[in-house]
Amino acid sequence: MDQLSSPMNEVNIMAKLADLKDEHYHTLLALSVAIELLIEKGVLTREEIARKAAELDAFMVPPPYPTA
């Protein structure tokens, strides 16, 4: 059996994917909390954040892979 396609290797890959999804969730949660606190404290407005996000998004090059 090819070592790259062994059942244990597939389990390990799935576990790593689950860890990445969990880490991604926590990163987005922390970012959302920081943004909400900045808005609540009057440091930034939602419009300023949206405007800056659009500005930064305009600099992004298309990803090297297809998106759906």
N, C-alpha and C. Protein backbone atom coordinates (compact mmCIF):
# COMPACT_ATOMS: atom_id res chain seq x y z
N MET A 1 0.85 -1.20 0.00
CA MET A 1 0.00 0.00 0.00
C MET A 1 0.88 1.25 0.00
N ASP A 2 0.54 2.20 -0.81
CA ASP A 2 1.29 3.44 -0.91
C ASP A 2 1.17 4.20 0.41
N GLN A 3 2.32 4.63 0.95
CA GLN A 3 2.33 5.31 2.25
C GLN A 3 1.55 6.63 2.21
N LEU A 4 1.54 7.29 1.06
CA LEU A 4 0.84 8.57 0.96
C LEU A 4 -0.67 8.43 1.04
N SER A 5 -1.19 7.27 0.69
CA SER A 5 -2.64 7.10 0.72
C SER A 5 -3.08 6.10 1.79
N SER A 6 -2.27 5.92 2.81
CA SER A 6 -2.64 4.99 3.87
C SER A 6 -3.80 5.56 4.68
N PRO A 7 -4.61 4.71 5.27
CA PRO A 7 -5.74 5.19 6.08
C PRO A 7 -5.28 6.08 7.23
N MET A 8 -4.15 5.74 7.86
CA MET A 8 -3.66 6.56 8.98
C MET A 8 -3.24 7.94 8.49
N ASN A 9 -2.64 8.00 7.31
CA ASN A 9 -2.24 9.28 6.76
C ASN A 9 -3.48 10.13 6.46
N GLU A 10 -4.52 9.52 5.96
CA GLU A 10 -5.76 10.25 5.70
C GLU A 10 -6.37 10.78 6.99
N VAL A 11 -6.32 9.99 8.05
CA VAL A 11 -6.82 10.44 9.35
C VAL A 11 -6.00 11.63 9.83
N ASN A 12 -4.69 11.56 9.67
CA ASN A 12 -3.82 12.67 10.09
C ASN A 12 -4.12 13.94 9.30
N ILE A 13 -4.34 13.79 8.00
CA ILE A 13 -4.67 14.96 7.17
C ILE A 13 -5.99 15.57 7.60
N MET A 14 -6.98 14.73 7.86
CA MET A 14 -8.29 15.24 8.31
C MET A 14 -8.16 15.94 9.67
N ALA A 15 -7.34 15.41 10.56
CA ALA A 15 -7.14 16.02 11.87
C ALA A 15 -6.47 17.39 11.71
N LYS A 16 -5.48 17.48 10.82
CA LYS A 16 -4.81 18.76 10.58
C LYS A 16 -5.79 19.78 10.00
N LEU A 17 -6.65 19.33 9.10
CA LEU A 17 -7.65 20.22 8.51
C LEU A 17 -8.61 20.72 9.59
N ALA A 18 -9.03 19.84 10.48
CA ALA A 18 -9.92 20.25 11.58
C ALA A 18 -9.23 21.28 12.47
N ASP A 19 -7.94 21.06 12.75
CA ASP A 19 -7.19 22.01 13.57
C ASP A 19 -7.10 23.37 12.89
N LEU A 20 -6.87 23.36 11.57
CA LEU A 20 -6.79 24.62 10.83
C LEU A 20 -8.13 25.36 10.86
N LYS A 21 -9.23 24.62 10.70
CA LYS A 21 -10.54 25.25 10.74
C LYS A 21 -10.81 25.87 12.10
N ASP A 22 -10.41 25.18 13.16
CA ASP A 22 -10.60 25.69 14.52
C ASP A 22 -9.75 26.94 14.73
N GLU A 23 -8.51 26.90 14.28
CA GLU A 23 -7.62 28.05 14.41
C GLU A 23 -8.16 29.24 13.61
N HIS A 24 -8.66 28.97 12.41
CA HIS A 24 -9.24 30.02 11.57
C HIS A 24 -10.43 30.67 12.27
N TYR A 25 -11.30 29.86 12.86
CA TYR A 25 -12.46 30.38 13.58
C TYR A 25 -12.02 31.30 14.72
N HIS A 26 -11.04 30.86 15.50
CA HIS A 26 -10.60 31.67 16.64
C HIS A 26 -9.91 32.97 16.19
N THR A 27 -9.20 32.91 15.08
CA THR A 27 -8.57 34.12 14.55
C THR A 27 -9.64 35.11 14.10
N LEU A 28 -10.65 34.63 13.39
CA LEU A 28 -11.73 35.51 12.94
C LEU A 28 -12.53 36.06 14.12
N LEU A 29 -12.72 35.25 15.15
CA LEU A 29 -13.44 35.71 16.33
C LEU A 29 -12.67 36.84 17.02
N ALA A 30 -11.36 36.66 17.17
CA ALA A 30 -10.54 37.70 17.80
C ALA A 30 -10.57 38.99 16.98
N LEU A 31 -10.49 38.87 15.67
CA LEU A 31 -10.55 40.04 14.80
C LEU A 31 -11.90 40.73 14.90
N SER A 32 -12.98 39.97 14.93
CA SER A 32 -14.32 40.54 15.06
C SER A 32 -14.48 41.28 16.38
N VAL A 33 -13.96 40.69 17.45
CA VAL A 33 -14.03 41.33 18.77
C VAL A 33 -13.27 42.66 18.75
N ALA A 34 -12.06 42.64 18.18
CA ALA A 34 -11.27 43.87 18.13
C ALA A 34 -11.98 44.96 17.33
N ILE A 35 -12.55 44.60 16.21
CA ILE A 35 -13.28 45.58 15.39
C ILE A 35 -14.48 46.13 16.14
N GLU A 36 -15.25 45.26 16.76
CA GLU A 36 -16.43 45.72 17.51
C GLU A 36 -16.04 46.65 18.66
N LEU A 37 -14.95 46.34 19.37
CA LEU A 37 -14.51 47.21 20.46
C LEU A 37 -14.06 48.57 19.94
N LEU A 38 -13.36 48.60 18.81
CA LEU A 38 -12.94 49.87 18.23
C LEU A 38 -14.14 50.71 17.82
N ILE A 39 -15.17 50.07 17.32
CA ILE A 39 -16.39 50.79 16.95
C ILE A 39 -17.11 51.29 18.19
N GLU A 40 -17.26 50.42 19.19
CA GLU A 40 -17.95 50.81 20.43
C GLU A 40 -17.26 51.98 21.12
N LYS A 41 -15.94 52.02 21.07
CA LYS A 41 -15.18 53.09 21.73
C LYS A 41 -15.09 54.36 20.87
N GLY A 42 -15.65 54.30 19.66
CA GLY A 42 -15.65 55.47 18.80
C GLY A 42 -14.33 55.73 18.10
N VAL A 43 -13.44 54.76 18.10
CA VAL A 43 -12.15 54.94 17.43
C VAL A 43 -12.32 54.87 15.92
N LEU A 44 -13.16 53.94 15.47
CA LEU A 44 -13.45 53.78 14.04
C LEU A 44 -14.95 53.64 13.84
N THR A 45 -15.39 53.89 12.62
CA THR A 45 -16.79 53.64 12.27
C THR A 45 -16.84 52.44 11.33
N ARG A 46 -18.03 51.85 11.23
CA ARG A 46 -18.20 50.74 10.30
C ARG A 46 -17.91 51.18 8.86
N GLU A 47 -18.26 52.41 8.54
CA GLU A 47 -18.03 52.92 7.19
C GLU A 47 -16.53 53.04 6.91
N GLU A 48 -15.75 53.50 7.89
CA GLU A 48 -14.31 53.60 7.70
C GLU A 48 -13.69 52.21 7.48
N ILE A 49 -14.16 51.25 8.24
CA ILE A 49 -13.65 49.89 8.11
C ILE A 49 -14.01 49.32 6.74
N ALA A 50 -15.26 49.53 6.32
CA ALA A 50 -15.70 49.03 5.02
C ALA A 50 -14.92 49.70 3.89
N ARG A 51 -14.68 50.99 4.02
CA ARG A 51 -13.95 51.74 2.99
C ARG A 51 -12.50 51.22 2.88
N LYS A 52 -11.86 51.01 4.04
CA LYS A 52 -10.48 50.53 4.04
C LYS A 52 -10.41 49.10 3.52
N ALA A 53 -11.39 48.27 3.86
CA ALA A 53 -11.42 46.89 3.37
C ALA A 53 -11.53 46.88 1.85
N ALA A 54 -12.39 47.74 1.30
CA ALA A 54 -12.54 47.82 -0.15
C ALA A 54 -11.25 48.31 -0.80
N GLU A 55 -10.59 49.27 -0.16
CA GLU A 55 -9.33 49.79 -0.68
C GLU A 55 -8.26 48.69 -0.71
N LEU A 56 -8.13 47.95 0.37
CA LEU A 56 -7.13 46.88 0.42
C LEU A 56 -7.48 45.74 -0.52
N ASP A 57 -8.77 45.46 -0.65
CA ASP A 57 -9.21 44.39 -1.54
C ASP A 57 -8.87 44.71 -2.99
N ALA A 58 -8.88 45.99 -3.33
CA ALA A 58 -8.57 46.40 -4.70
C ALA A 58 -7.11 46.09 -5.06
N PHE A 59 -6.24 46.00 -4.05
CA PHE A 59 -4.83 45.70 -4.30
C PHE A 59 -4.57 44.20 -4.47
N MET A 60 -5.52 43.40 -4.08
CA MET A 60 -5.32 41.95 -4.13
C MET A 60 -5.29 41.48 -5.58
N VAL A 61 -4.35 40.61 -5.86
CA VAL A 61 -4.32 39.99 -7.18
C VAL A 61 -5.21 38.76 -7.14
N PRO A 62 -5.71 38.34 -8.28
CA PRO A 62 -6.56 37.14 -8.28
C PRO A 62 -5.78 35.95 -7.71
N PRO A 63 -6.45 35.09 -6.94
CA PRO A 63 -5.76 33.93 -6.39
C PRO A 63 -5.32 32.97 -7.50
N PRO A 64 -4.28 32.19 -7.24
CA PRO A 64 -3.79 31.28 -8.28
C PRO A 64 -4.64 30.04 -8.45
N TYR A 65 -5.76 29.98 -7.75
CA TYR A 65 -6.65 28.82 -7.81
C TYR A 65 -8.07 29.33 -8.04
N PRO A 66 -8.93 28.50 -8.60
CA PRO A 66 -10.31 28.93 -8.84
C PRO A 66 -11.09 29.11 -7.54
N THR A 67 -11.94 30.09 -7.52
CA THR A 67 -12.82 30.31 -6.37
C THR A 67 -14.26 30.15 -6.82
N ALA A 68 -15.07 29.73 -5.88
CA ALA A 68 -16.48 29.51 -6.23
C ALA A 68 -17.36 30.53 -5.59
